[in-house]
C-alpha atoms as a PDB file:
ATOM      1  CA  MET A   1       1.530  15.855   7.762  1.00  0.00           C
ATOM      2  CA  THR A   2      -1.785  14.798   9.231  1.00  0.00           C
ATOM      3  CA  ALA A   3      -2.912  11.199   9.533  1.00  0.00           C
ATOM      4  CA  GLU A   4      -5.851  11.968   7.240  1.00  0.00           C
ATOM      5  CA  LYS A   5      -3.562  13.192   4.495  1.00  0.00           C
ATOM      6  CA  SER A   6      -1.231  10.199   4.758  1.00  0.00           C
ATOM      7  CA  LYS A   7      -4.191   7.820   4.313  1.00  0.00           C
ATOM      8  CA  LEU A   8      -5.078   9.548   1.067  1.00  0.00           C
ATOM      9  CA  GLU A   9      -1.576   9.113  -0.332  1.00  0.00           C
ATOM     10  CA  ARG A  10      -2.185   5.415  -0.944  1.00  0.00           C
ATOM     11  CA  PRO A  11      -5.043   3.361  -2.357  1.00  0.00           C
ATOM     12  CA  LEU A  12      -7.965   2.881   0.027  1.00  0.00           C
ATOM     13  CA  THR A  13      -9.696  -0.332   0.967  1.00  0.00           C
ATOM     14  CA  TYR A  14     -13.433  -0.657   0.501  1.00  0.00           C
ATOM     15  CA  GLY A  15     -13.814  -0.371   4.279  1.00  0.00           C
ATOM     16  CA  GLU A  16     -11.802   2.848   4.428  1.00  0.00           C
ATOM     17  CA  THR A  17     -13.729   4.295   1.505  1.00  0.00           C
ATOM     18  CA  LEU A  18     -17.090   3.467   3.090  1.00  0.00           C
ATOM     19  CA  LYS A  19     -16.018   4.951   6.433  1.00  0.00           C
ATOM     20  CA  LEU A  20     -14.794   8.131   4.718  1.00  0.00           C
ATOM     21  CA  LEU A  21     -18.003   8.514   2.705  1.00  0.00           C
ATOM     22  CA  GLU A  22     -20.171   7.946   5.781  1.00  0.00           C
ATOM     23  CA  GLU A  23     -18.214  10.574   7.731  1.00  0.00           C
ATOM     24  CA  LEU A  24     -18.506  13.055   4.864  1.00  0.00           C
ATOM     25  CA  HIS A  25     -22.221  12.294   4.512  1.00  0.00           C
ATOM     26  CA  LYS A  26     -22.769  13.336   8.145  1.00  0.00           C
ATOM     27  CA  LYS A  27     -21.065  16.691   7.478  1.00  0.00           C
ATOM     28  CA  THR A  28     -22.158  17.572   3.966  1.00  0.00           C
ATOM     29  CA  GLU A  29     -24.392  16.628   1.089  1.00  0.00           C
ATOM     30  CA  LEU A  30     -22.787  14.024  -1.165  1.00  0.00           C
ATOM     31  CA  SER A  31     -23.061  13.921  -4.931  1.00  0.00           C
ATOM     32  CA  SER A  32     -25.295  11.304  -6.497  1.00  0.00           C
ATOM     33  CA  VAL A  33     -22.207   9.371  -7.589  1.00  0.00           C
ATOM     34  CA  ALA A  34     -20.784   9.348  -4.051  1.00  0.00           C
ATOM     35  CA  LEU A  35     -24.160   8.192  -2.700  1.00  0.00           C
ATOM     36  CA  ARG A  36     -24.273   5.351  -5.234  1.00  0.00           C
ATOM     37  CA  VAL A  37     -20.734   4.301  -4.300  1.00  0.00           C
ATOM     38  CA  MET A  38     -21.641   4.351  -0.607  1.00  0.00           C
ATOM     39  CA  ASP A  39     -24.770   2.276  -1.290  1.00  0.00           C
ATOM     40  CA  TYR A  40     -22.730  -0.243  -3.309  1.00  0.00           C
ATOM     41  CA  LEU A  41     -20.095  -0.535  -0.584  1.00  0.00           C
ATOM     42  CA  ARG A  42     -22.788  -1.194   2.016  1.00  0.00           C
ATOM     43  CA  ARG A  43     -24.042  -4.150  -0.045  1.00  0.00           C
ATOM     44  CA  ILE A  44     -20.775  -5.993  -0.703  1.00  0.00           C
ATOM     45  CA  PRO A  45     -18.692  -8.076   1.713  1.00  0.00           C
ATOM     46  CA  ILE A  46     -15.980  -5.922   3.296  1.00  0.00           C
ATOM     47  CA  CYS A  47     -13.134  -6.978   5.555  1.00  0.00           C
ATOM     48  CA  GLU A  48     -14.072  -5.129   8.736  1.00  0.00           C
ATOM     49  CA  ASP A  49     -10.584  -5.387  10.225  1.00  0.00           C
ATOM     50  CA  TYR A  50      -8.942  -3.865   7.152  1.00  0.00           C
ATOM     51  CA  GLU A  51      -6.418  -1.888   9.241  1.00  0.00           C
ATOM     52  CA  LYS A  52      -5.028  -5.042  10.845  1.00  0.00           C
ATOM     53  CA  ALA A  53      -5.060  -6.848   7.492  1.00  0.00           C
ATOM     54  CA  LEU A  54      -3.084  -4.066   5.793  1.00  0.00           C
ATOM     55  CA  LYS A  55      -0.612  -3.955   8.680  1.00  0.00           C
ATOM     56  CA  GLU A  56      -0.055  -7.716   8.650  1.00  0.00           C
ATOM     57  CA  LEU A  57       0.293  -7.817   4.864  1.00  0.00           C
ATOM     58  CA  GLY A  58       2.919  -5.079   5.224  1.00  0.00           C
ATOM     59  CA  LYS A  59       5.458  -7.666   6.366  1.00  0.00           C
ATOM     60  CA  PHE A  60       5.434  -9.167   2.878  1.00  0.00           C
ATOM     61  CA  LYS A  61       7.335  -7.498   0.069  1.00  0.00           C
ATOM     62  CA  ILE A  62       4.324  -6.408  -1.936  1.00  0.00           C
ATOM     63  CA  SER A  63       3.174  -2.927  -2.893  1.00  0.00           C
ATOM     64  CA  ASP A  64       0.529  -0.894  -1.049  1.00  0.00           C
ATOM     65  CA  PHE A  65      -1.672  -1.217  -4.118  1.00  0.00           C
ATOM     66  CA  THR A  66      -1.430  -5.020  -4.083  1.00  0.00           C
ATOM     67  CA  ARG A  67      -2.106  -5.167  -0.328  1.00  0.00           C
ATOM     68  CA  VAL A  68      -5.279  -3.100  -0.779  1.00  0.00           C
ATOM     69  CA  LEU A  69      -6.427  -5.299  -3.668  1.00  0.00           C
ATOM     70  CA  ILE A  70      -5.867  -8.400  -1.561  1.00  0.00           C
ATOM     71  CA  VAL A  71      -7.918  -6.943   1.310  1.00  0.00           C
ATOM     72  CA  ASN A  72     -10.679  -5.798  -1.054  1.00  0.00           C
ATOM     73  CA  ASN A  73     -10.878  -9.050  -3.005  1.00  0.00           C
ATOM     74  CA  CYS A  74     -10.277 -11.374  -0.069  1.00  0.00           C
ATOM     75  CA  PRO A  75      -8.815 -14.259  -2.101  1.00  0.00           C
ATOM     76  CA  ARG A  76      -9.666 -17.697  -0.780  1.00  0.00           C
ATOM     77  CA  THR A  77      -7.479 -19.810  -3.034  1.00  0.00           C
ATOM     78  CA  MET A  78      -3.957 -19.696  -4.388  1.00  0.00           C
ATOM     79  CA  ASP A  79      -5.325 -19.123  -7.903  1.00  0.00           C
ATOM     80  CA  GLU A  80      -7.334 -16.097  -6.768  1.00  0.00           C
ATOM     81  CA  LEU A  81      -4.301 -14.665  -4.968  1.00  0.00           C
ATOM     82  CA  LEU A  82      -2.064 -15.255  -7.975  1.00  0.00           C
ATOM     83  CA  GLN A  83      -4.467 -13.293 -10.188  1.00  0.00           C
ATOM     84  CA  VAL A  84      -3.707 -10.198  -8.106  1.00  0.00           C
ATOM     85  CA  ILE A  85      -0.006 -10.886  -7.580  1.00  0.00           C
ATOM     86  CA  ASN A  86       0.706 -11.693 -11.242  1.00  0.00           C
ATOM     87  CA  ALA A  87      -1.067  -8.575 -12.450  1.00  0.00           C
ATOM     88  CA  PHE A  88       0.597  -6.046 -10.170  1.00  0.00           C
ATOM     89  CA  GLU A  89       3.859  -7.341  -8.741  1.00  0.00           C
ATOM     90  CA  PRO A  90       7.110  -7.389 -10.719  1.00  0.00           C
ATOM     91  CA  LYS A  91       8.327 -10.476  -8.837  1.00  0.00           C
ATOM     92  CA  ILE A  92       6.111 -13.316  -7.663  1.00  0.00           C
ATOM     93  CA  PRO A  93       6.909 -14.444  -4.108  1.00  0.00           C
ATOM     94  CA  ASP A  94       7.695 -18.117  -3.598  1.00  0.00           C
ATOM     95  CA  GLU A  95       4.910 -20.545  -2.752  1.00  0.00           C
ATOM     96  CA  LYS A  96       5.638 -20.486   0.992  1.00  0.00           C
ATOM     97  CA  ILE A  97       5.172 -16.699   1.097  1.00  0.00           C
ATOM     98  CA  LEU A  98       2.013 -16.912  -1.020  1.00  0.00           C
ATOM     99  CA  LYS A  99       0.553 -19.448   1.421  1.00  0.00           C
ATOM    100  CA  GLU A 100       1.411 -17.141   4.330  1.00  0.00           C
ATOM    101  CA  ILE A 101      -0.315 -14.219   2.578  1.00  0.00           C
ATOM    102  CA  LEU A 102      -3.395 -16.361   1.968  1.00  0.00           C
ATOM    103  CA  GLU A 103      -3.476 -17.595   5.573  1.00  0.00           C
ATOM    104  CA  THR A 104      -3.017 -14.047   6.862  1.00  0.00           C
ATOM    105  CA  ILE A 105      -5.844 -12.520   4.856  1.00  0.00           C
ATOM    106  CA  ASN A 106      -8.189 -15.426   5.523  1.00  0.00           C
ATOM    107  CA  SER A 107      -7.550 -15.419   9.274  1.00  0.00           C
ATOM    108  CA  ILE A 108      -8.058 -11.662   9.664  1.00  0.00           C
ATOM    109  CA  CYS A 109     -10.870 -11.063   7.196  1.00  0.00           C
ATOM    110  CA  ASN A 110     -12.544 -14.444   7.503  1.00  0.00           C
ATOM    111  CA  CYS A 111     -12.956 -14.439   3.737  1.00  0.00           C
ATOM    112  CA  ARG A 112     -15.045 -17.578   3.379  1.00  0.00           C
ATOM    113  CA  LYS A 113     -17.668 -16.342   5.822  1.00  0.00           C
ATOM    114  CA  LEU A 114     -17.532 -12.859   4.373  1.00  0.00           C
ATOM    115  CA  LEU A 115     -18.300 -14.016   0.870  1.00  0.00           C
ATOM    116  CA  MET A 116     -21.217 -16.172   1.971  1.00  0.00           C
ATOM    117  CA  LYS A 117     -23.265 -13.213   3.281  1.00  0.00           C
END
């Protein structure tokens, strides 16, 4: 199994999606929908170190889908994080773990700065 295939077997972050679209755009003509998605992704705040963020969030017992949503949404507060966790996780981690998740994502993605662009 190639690394490229394994990446496509899980949800992609905005950063991964943008990188993939830009690489495809260099090689081939993209559809109008793909071009609009690429344009949108270039305009929104994206965690540039998404690989590190996903890896670090992997130490918590949350699904790949939830990890990607956390990286994409870059929650800054406990309430914002709980919106994602409550919607997609069968069991809510205790408050200590939630604080660690929040600290992790904010330290890697610098969410406050990112959202002020």
